[in-house]
Amino acid sequence: MNLFSRIGLGALVAAVSISTVYAQAVMQPTDPSAPKTRAQVRADLIEWLAAGYDPNDWVNYPENAQEAGRIVAQRRAERQGLAPTTVQ
């Protein structure tokens, strides 16, 4: 193989690799019931904790979780550019 064919082969392999990575990134499942990765679960937990959820607060459990859920939903809607909802 001469130098130009090796360069062409390398460029072809790079293009295929990049297109494969791009296709996997674009084709992520949008189904909310699909399994989440560990990083996604951790990000969700951090978001809930930032919204005021305390997993150790058993006295105010249902209200604490529901309020944090409303805050998280509102923040996600605002990030996606949807109309903001009121937090009750």
Foldseek 3Di string as FASTA:
>chain_A
DDPVVVVVVVVVVVVVVVVVVVVCVVPDDPDPVDDDDPVVVVVVVVQLVVLPADPPPPVCPPVSNVQSVLVSVQVVCVVVVHDGDDRD
